[in-house]
Amino acid sequence: MEPAISIRGLTKFYGDLRALDNFSMEVRQGEFFGFLGPNGAGKTTTINILAGLTTYEDGEVYESSCNHKARQSRSN
C-alpha cells in the first residue's frame, strides 16, 4: 500500500535561515499524525509545503492525491 504522505530530504530556506534541513517522514493511509516541537522547529513550514502554500529548495513531497515536485523552487 502506498503512503498517504511521503516527505524525503525536504530542505527550506528563508534567506540565510534553514527552516528545514533534510527532513523526512512517511504517513501510511489510515494513520493519524501530529507535529510536536519547539518554536522554530519547522512545523508550520512543513504544513505550508504540504498545503501548497510555499515552495522548497530540495527534497520530494508526495501526497496520494498529488505530487508537489512541480511546486519546488528552482532557485537551487
PDB file of N, CA and C in Angstrom:
ATOM      1  N   MET A   1       0.844  -1.174   0.000  1.00  0.00           N
ATOM      2  CA  MET A   1       0.000   0.000   0.000  1.00  0.00           C
ATOM      3  C   MET A   1       0.896   1.246   0.000  1.00  0.00           C
ATOM      4  N   GLU A   2       0.615   2.171  -0.906  1.00  0.00           N
ATOM      5  CA  GLU A   2       1.429   3.385  -0.969  1.00  0.00           C
ATOM      6  C   GLU A   2       1.087   4.312   0.191  1.00  0.00           C
ATOM      7  N   PRO A   3       2.053   5.131   0.635  1.00  0.00           N
ATOM      8  CA  PRO A   3       1.791   6.038   1.752  1.00  0.00           C
ATOM      9  C   PRO A   3       0.830   7.152   1.343  1.00  0.00           C
ATOM     10  N   ALA A   4       0.120   7.680   2.321  1.00  0.00           N
ATOM     11  CA  ALA A   4      -0.739   8.835   2.073  1.00  0.00           C
ATOM     12  C   ALA A   4       0.114  10.085   1.918  1.00  0.00           C
ATOM     13  N   ILE A   5       1.193  10.182   2.714  1.00  0.00           N
ATOM     14  CA  ILE A   5       2.130  11.304   2.651  1.00  0.00           C
ATOM     15  C   ILE A   5       3.544  10.741   2.767  1.00  0.00           C
ATOM     16  N   SER A   6       4.417  11.197   1.901  1.00  0.00           N
ATOM     17  CA  SER A   6       5.829  10.821   1.964  1.00  0.00           C
ATOM     18  C   SER A   6       6.666  12.067   1.714  1.00  0.00           C
ATOM     19  N   ILE A   7       7.549  12.377   2.646  1.00  0.00           N
ATOM     20  CA  ILE A   7       8.472  13.503   2.523  1.00  0.00           C
ATOM     21  C   ILE A   7       9.876  12.950   2.666  1.00  0.00           C
ATOM     22  N   ARG A   8      10.741  13.301   1.724  1.00  0.00           N
ATOM     23  CA  ARG A   8      12.117  12.797   1.762  1.00  0.00           C
ATOM     24  C   ARG A   8      13.096  13.928   1.486  1.00  0.00           C
ATOM     25  N   GLY A   9      13.993  14.157   2.434  1.00  0.00           N
ATOM     26  CA  GLY A   9      15.079  15.112   2.252  1.00  0.00           C
ATOM     27  C   GLY A   9      14.636  16.552   2.065  1.00  0.00           C
ATOM     28  N   LEU A  10      13.546  16.944   2.696  1.00  0.00           N
ATOM     29  CA  LEU A  10      12.984  18.277   2.493  1.00  0.00           C
ATOM     30  C   LEU A  10      13.865  19.351   3.127  1.00  0.00           C
ATOM     31  N   THR A  11      14.220  20.345   2.325  1.00  0.00           N
ATOM     32  CA  THR A  11      15.037  21.465   2.775  1.00  0.00           C
ATOM     33  C   THR A  11      14.380  22.763   2.344  1.00  0.00           C
ATOM     34  N   LYS A  12      14.287  23.714   3.279  1.00  0.00           N
ATOM     35  CA  LYS A  12      13.661  25.010   3.004  1.00  0.00           C
ATOM     36  C   LYS A  12      14.471  26.103   3.691  1.00  0.00           C
ATOM     37  N   PHE A  13      14.776  27.154   2.942  1.00  0.00           N
ATOM     38  CA  PHE A  13      15.469  28.322   3.476  1.00  0.00           C
ATOM     39  C   PHE A  13      14.541  29.530   3.443  1.00  0.00           C
ATOM     40  N   TYR A  14      14.664  30.385   4.435  1.00  0.00           N
ATOM     41  CA  TYR A  14      14.113  31.736   4.423  1.00  0.00           C
ATOM     42  C   TYR A  14      15.317  32.655   4.524  1.00  0.00           C
ATOM     43  N   GLY A  15      15.798  33.141   3.384  1.00  0.00           N
ATOM     44  CA  GLY A  15      17.048  33.897   3.384  1.00  0.00           C
ATOM     45  C   GLY A  15      18.189  32.974   3.777  1.00  0.00           C
ATOM     46  N   ASP A  16      18.926  33.343   4.821  1.00  0.00           N
ATOM     47  CA  ASP A  16      20.029  32.503   5.314  1.00  0.00           C
ATOM     48  C   ASP A  16      19.575  31.493   6.360  1.00  0.00           C
ATOM     49  N   LEU A  17      18.330  31.592   6.818  1.00  0.00           N
ATOM     50  CA  LEU A  17      17.801  30.688   7.842  1.00  0.00           C
ATOM     51  C   LEU A  17      17.332  29.387   7.211  1.00  0.00           C
ATOM     52  N   ARG A  18      17.886  28.279   7.677  1.00  0.00           N
ATOM     53  CA  ARG A  18      17.456  26.962   7.204  1.00  0.00           C
ATOM     54  C   ARG A  18      16.311  26.492   8.089  1.00  0.00           C
ATOM     55  N   ALA A  19      15.090  26.579   7.561  1.00  0.00           N
ATOM     56  CA  ALA A  19      13.897  26.218   8.335  1.00  0.00           C
ATOM     57  C   ALA A  19      13.712  24.705   8.404  1.00  0.00           C
ATOM     58  N   LEU A  20      14.053  23.997   7.335  1.00  0.00           N
ATOM     59  CA  LEU A  20      14.003  22.530   7.296  1.00  0.00           C
ATOM     60  C   LEU A  20      15.328  22.033   6.740  1.00  0.00           C
ATOM     61  N   ASP A  21      15.881  21.025   7.373  1.00  0.00           N
ATOM     62  CA  ASP A  21      17.191  20.509   6.977  1.00  0.00           C
ATOM     63  C   ASP A  21      17.108  19.002   6.754  1.00  0.00           C
ATOM     64  N   ASN A  22      16.874  18.607   5.488  1.00  0.00           N
ATOM     65  CA  ASN A  22      16.858  17.195   5.125  1.00  0.00           C
ATOM     66  C   ASN A  22      15.800  16.418   5.920  1.00  0.00           C
ATOM     67  N   PHE A  23      14.611  16.982   6.060  1.00  0.00           N
ATOM     68  CA  PHE A  23      13.521  16.390   6.835  1.00  0.00           C
ATOM     69  C   PHE A  23      12.829  15.291   6.033  1.00  0.00           C
ATOM     70  N   SER A  24      12.574  14.162   6.679  1.00  0.00           N
ATOM     71  CA  SER A  24      11.880  13.045   6.044  1.00  0.00           C
ATOM     72  C   SER A  24      10.830  12.475   6.996  1.00  0.00           C
ATOM     73  N   MET A  25       9.707  12.031   6.430  1.00  0.00           N
ATOM     74  CA  MET A  25       8.666  11.353   7.209  1.00  0.00           C
ATOM     75  C   MET A  25       7.743  10.627   6.251  1.00  0.00           C
ATOM     76  N   GLU A  26       6.975   9.694   6.798  1.00  0.00           N
ATOM     77  CA  GLU A  26       6.000   8.973   5.995  1.00  0.00           C
ATOM     78  C   GLU A  26       4.789   8.690   6.864  1.00  0.00           C
ATOM     79  N   VAL A  27       3.603   8.883   6.294  1.00  0.00           N
ATOM     80  CA  VAL A  27       2.348   8.580   6.975  1.00  0.00           C
ATOM     81  C   VAL A  27       1.586   7.604   6.090  1.00  0.00           C
ATOM     82  N   ARG A  28       1.282   6.441   6.638  1.00  0.00           N
ATOM     83  CA  ARG A  28       0.532   5.441   5.871  1.00  0.00           C
ATOM     84  C   ARG A  28      -0.949   5.771   5.862  1.00  0.00           C
ATOM     85  N   GLN A  29      -1.632   5.295   4.861  1.00  0.00           N
ATOM     86  CA  GLN A  29      -3.072   5.517   4.770  1.00  0.00           C
ATOM     87  C   GLN A  29      -3.756   4.974   6.021  1.00  0.00           C
ATOM     88  N   GLY A  30      -4.684   5.759   6.566  1.00  0.00           N
ATOM     89  CA  GLY A  30      -5.409   5.360   7.766  1.00  0.00           C
ATOM     90  C   GLY A  30      -4.766   5.794   9.066  1.00  0.00           C
ATOM     91  N   GLU A  31      -3.531   6.285   9.024  1.00  0.00           N
ATOM     92  CA  GLU A  31      -2.847   6.752  10.230  1.00  0.00           C
ATOM     93  C   GLU A  31      -3.209   8.204  10.530  1.00  0.00           C
ATOM     94  N   PHE A  32      -3.117   8.554  11.801  1.00  0.00           N
ATOM     95  CA  PHE A  32      -3.226   9.937  12.247  1.00  0.00           C
ATOM     96  C   PHE A  32      -1.845  10.363  12.690  1.00  0.00           C
ATOM     97  N   PHE A  33      -1.510  11.646  12.493  1.00  0.00           N
ATOM     98  CA  PHE A  33      -0.218  12.129  12.943  1.00  0.00           C
ATOM     99  C   PHE A  33      -0.347  13.576  13.373  1.00  0.00           C
ATOM    100  N   GLY A  34       0.627  14.049  14.106  1.00  0.00           N
ATOM    101  CA  GLY A  34       0.682  15.446  14.528  1.00  0.00           C
ATOM    102  C   GLY A  34       2.124  15.880  14.618  1.00  0.00           C
ATOM    103  N   PHE A  35       2.326  17.167  14.579  1.00  0.00           N
ATOM    104  CA  PHE A  35       3.672  17.738  14.713  1.00  0.00           C
ATOM    105  C   PHE A  35       3.817  18.346  16.098  1.00  0.00           C
ATOM    106  N   LEU A  36       4.835  17.929  16.819  1.00  0.00           N
ATOM    107  CA  LEU A  36       5.168  18.491  18.120  1.00  0.00           C
ATOM    108  C   LEU A  36       6.615  18.935  18.083  1.00  0.00           C
ATOM    109  N   GLY A  37       6.895  20.078  18.690  1.00  0.00           N
ATOM    110  CA  GLY A  37       8.271  20.546  18.743  1.00  0.00           C
ATOM    111  C   GLY A  37       8.332  21.989  19.179  1.00  0.00           C
ATOM    112  N   PRO A  38       9.527  22.445  19.493  1.00  0.00           N
ATOM    113  CA  PRO A  38       9.690  23.824  19.958  1.00  0.00           C
ATOM    114  C   PRO A  38       9.470  24.832  18.827  1.00  0.00           C
ATOM    115  N   ASN A  39       9.307  26.095  19.210  1.00  0.00           N
ATOM    116  CA  ASN A  39       9.196  27.160  18.226  1.00  0.00           C
ATOM    117  C   ASN A  39      10.412  27.136  17.306  1.00  0.00           C
ATOM    118  N   GLY A  40      10.163  27.317  16.018  1.00  0.00           N
ATOM    119  CA  GLY A  40      11.260  27.349  15.054  1.00  0.00           C
ATOM    120  C   GLY A  40      11.716  25.982  14.578  1.00  0.00           C
ATOM    121  N   ALA A  41      10.979  24.924  14.920  1.00  0.00           N
ATOM    122  CA  ALA A  41      11.395  23.572  14.539  1.00  0.00           C
ATOM    123  C   ALA A  41      11.013  23.202  13.111  1.00  0.00           C
ATOM    124  N   GLY A  42      10.142  24.007  12.465  1.00  0.00           N
ATOM    125  CA  GLY A  42       9.761  23.730  11.086  1.00  0.00           C
ATOM    126  C   GLY A  42       8.375  23.125  10.921  1.00  0.00           C
ATOM    127  N   LYS A  43       7.592  23.101  11.987  1.00  0.00           N
ATOM    128  CA  LYS A  43       6.248  22.501  11.918  1.00  0.00           C
ATOM    129  C   LYS A  43       5.345  23.241  10.929  1.00  0.00           C
ATOM    130  N   THR A  44       5.223  24.538  11.084  1.00  0.00           N
ATOM    131  CA  THR A  44       4.354  25.327  10.211  1.00  0.00           C
ATOM    132  C   THR A  44       4.874  25.336   8.786  1.00  0.00           C
ATOM    133  N   THR A  45       6.172  25.412   8.614  1.00  0.00           N
ATOM    134  CA  THR A  45       6.761  25.373   7.272  1.00  0.00           C
ATOM    135  C   THR A  45       6.404  24.077   6.568  1.00  0.00           C
ATOM    136  N   THR A  46       6.496  22.957   7.267  1.00  0.00           N
ATOM    137  CA  THR A  46       6.152  21.663   6.674  1.00  0.00           C
ATOM    138  C   THR A  46       4.681  21.618   6.274  1.00  0.00           C
ATOM    139  N   ILE A  47       3.815  22.081   7.143  1.00  0.00           N
ATOM    140  CA  ILE A  47       2.381  22.090   6.835  1.00  0.00           C
ATOM    141  C   ILE A  47       2.097  23.004   5.642  1.00  0.00           C
ATOM    142  N   ASN A  48       2.743  24.167   5.594  1.00  0.00           N
ATOM    143  CA  ASN A  48       2.553  25.078   4.462  1.00  0.00           C
ATOM    144  C   ASN A  48       3.012  24.456   3.149  1.00  0.00           C
ATOM    145  N   ILE A  49       4.082  23.687   3.180  1.00  0.00           N
ATOM    146  CA  ILE A  49       4.547  22.986   1.976  1.00  0.00           C
ATOM    147  C   ILE A  49       3.531  21.921   1.574  1.00  0.00           C
ATOM    148  N   LEU A  50       3.048  21.152   2.538  1.00  0.00           N
ATOM    149  CA  LEU A  50       2.038  20.122   2.237  1.00  0.00           C
ATOM    150  C   LEU A  50       0.767  20.738   1.665  1.00  0.00           C
ATOM    151  N   ALA A  51       0.405  21.926   2.135  1.00  0.00           N
ATOM    152  CA  ALA A  51      -0.808  22.605   1.658  1.00  0.00           C
ATOM    153  C   ALA A  51      -0.575  23.340   0.342  1.00  0.00           C
ATOM    154  N   GLY A  52       0.673  23.373  -0.120  1.00  0.00           N
ATOM    155  CA  GLY A  52       0.978  24.057  -1.375  1.00  0.00           C
ATOM    156  C   GLY A  52       1.078  25.555  -1.244  1.00  0.00           C
ATOM    157  N   LEU A  53       1.285  26.060  -0.034  1.00  0.00           N
ATOM    158  CA  LEU A  53       1.339  27.495   0.201  1.00  0.00           C
ATOM    159  C   LEU A  53       2.740  28.076   0.069  1.00  0.00           C
ATOM    160  N   THR A  54       3.747  27.229   0.081  1.00  0.00           N
ATOM    161  CA  THR A  54       5.124  27.703  -0.064  1.00  0.00           C
ATOM    162  C   THR A  54       5.942  26.672  -0.823  1.00  0.00           C
ATOM    163  N   THR A  55       7.024  27.113  -1.424  1.00  0.00           N
ATOM    164  CA  THR A  55       7.922  26.230  -2.166  1.00  0.00           C
ATOM    165  C   THR A  55       9.065  25.777  -1.257  1.00  0.00           C
ATOM    166  N   TYR A  56       9.915  24.925  -1.784  1.00  0.00           N
ATOM    167  CA  TYR A  56      11.069  24.437  -1.026  1.00  0.00           C
ATOM    168  C   TYR A  56      12.246  24.295  -1.979  1.00  0.00           C
ATOM    169  N   GLU A  57      13.430  24.209  -1.411  1.00  0.00           N
ATOM    170  CA  GLU A  57      14.643  24.181  -2.221  1.00  0.00           C
ATOM    171  C   GLU A  57      15.047  22.780  -2.666  1.00  0.00           C
ATOM    172  N   ASP A  58      14.839  21.781  -1.822  1.00  0.00           N
ATOM    173  CA  ASP A  58      15.304  20.440  -2.169  1.00  0.00           C
ATOM    174  C   ASP A  58      14.419  19.406  -1.491  1.00  0.00           C
ATOM    175  N   GLY A  59      14.402  18.208  -2.045  1.00  0.00           N
ATOM    176  CA  GLY A  59      13.647  17.109  -1.474  1.00  0.00           C
ATOM    177  C   GLY A  59      12.460  16.733  -2.335  1.00  0.00           C
ATOM    178  N   GLU A  60      11.684  15.782  -1.832  1.00  0.00           N
ATOM    179  CA  GLU A  60      10.499  15.294  -2.523  1.00  0.00           C
ATOM    180  C   GLU A  60       9.327  15.259  -1.558  1.00  0.00           C
ATOM    181  N   VAL A  61       8.174  15.721  -2.040  1.00  0.00           N
ATOM    182  CA  VAL A  61       6.945  15.694  -1.262  1.00  0.00           C
ATOM    183  C   VAL A  61       5.898  14.975  -2.093  1.00  0.00           C
ATOM    184  N   TYR A  62       5.341  13.920  -1.524  1.00  0.00           N
ATOM    185  CA  TYR A  62       4.324  13.156  -2.229  1.00  0.00           C
ATOM    186  C   TYR A  62       3.102  13.012  -1.332  1.00  0.00           C
ATOM    187  N   GLU A  63       1.953  13.367  -1.855  1.00  0.00           N
ATOM    188  CA  GLU A  63       0.671  13.069  -1.222  1.00  0.00           C
ATOM    189  C   GLU A  63      -0.080  12.173  -2.190  1.00  0.00           C
ATOM    190  N   SER A  64      -0.850  11.247  -1.688  1.00  0.00           N
ATOM    191  CA  SER A  64      -1.525  10.301  -2.579  1.00  0.00           C
ATOM    192  C   SER A  64      -2.427  11.008  -3.578  1.00  0.00           C
ATOM    193  N   SER A  65      -2.863  12.235  -3.263  1.00  0.00           N
ATOM    194  CA  SER A  65      -3.744  12.964  -4.179  1.00  0.00           C
ATOM    195  C   SER A  65      -2.986  13.799  -5.210  1.00  0.00           C
ATOM    196  N   CYS A  66      -1.691  14.109  -4.964  1.00  0.00           N
ATOM    197  CA  CYS A  66      -0.919  14.909  -5.924  1.00  0.00           C
ATOM    198  C   CYS A  66       0.566  14.833  -5.592  1.00  0.00           C
ATOM    199  N   ASN A  67       1.403  15.203  -6.559  1.00  0.00           N
ATOM    200  CA  ASN A  67       2.853  15.238  -6.368  1.00  0.00           C
ATOM    201  C   ASN A  67       3.291  16.688  -6.409  1.00  0.00           C
ATOM    202  N   HIS A  68       3.967  17.152  -5.365  1.00  0.00           N
ATOM    203  CA  HIS A  68       4.344  18.550  -5.233  1.00  0.00           C
ATOM    204  C   HIS A  68       5.635  18.913  -5.963  1.00  0.00           C
ATOM    205  N   LYS A  69       6.268  17.985  -6.618  1.00  0.00           N
ATOM    206  CA  LYS A  69       7.553  18.259  -7.245  1.00  0.00           C
ATOM    207  C   LYS A  69       7.481  19.476  -8.170  1.00  0.00           C
ATOM    208  N   ALA A  70       6.375  19.680  -8.839  1.00  0.00           N
ATOM    209  CA  ALA A  70       6.234  20.799  -9.767  1.00  0.00           C
ATOM    210  C   ALA A  70       6.276  22.140  -9.051  1.00  0.00           C
ATOM    211  N   ARG A  71       5.975  22.170  -7.749  1.00  0.00           N
ATOM    212  CA  ARG A  71       5.988  23.428  -6.991  1.00  0.00           C
ATOM    213  C   ARG A  71       7.335  23.733  -6.352  1.00  0.00           C
ATOM    214  N   GLN A  72       8.279  22.838  -6.497  1.00  0.00           N
ATOM    215  CA  GLN A  72       9.580  23.034  -5.897  1.00  0.00           C
ATOM    216  C   GLN A  72      10.227  24.280  -6.454  1.00  0.00           C
ATOM    217  N   SER A  73      10.903  25.017  -5.602  1.00  0.00           N
ATOM    218  CA  SER A  73      11.637  26.206  -6.032  1.00  0.00           C
ATOM    219  C   SER A  73      12.758  25.799  -6.975  1.00  0.00           C
ATOM    220  N   ARG A  74      12.965  26.555  -7.991  1.00  0.00           N
ATOM    221  CA  ARG A  74      14.036  26.287  -8.956  1.00  0.00           C
ATOM    222  C   ARG A  74      15.264  27.127  -8.674  1.00  0.00           C
ATOM    223  N   SER A  75      15.340  27.778  -7.497  1.00  0.00           N
ATOM    224  CA  SER A  75      16.440  28.686  -7.215  1.00  0.00           C
ATOM    225  C   SER A  75      17.757  27.974  -6.964  1.00  0.00           C
ATOM    226  N   ASN A  76      17.718  26.704  -6.528  1.00  0.00           N
ATOM    227  CA  ASN A  76      18.963  25.967  -6.264  1.00  0.00           C
ATOM    228  C   ASN A  76      19.102  24.792  -7.186  1.00  0.00           C
TER     229      ASN A  76
END
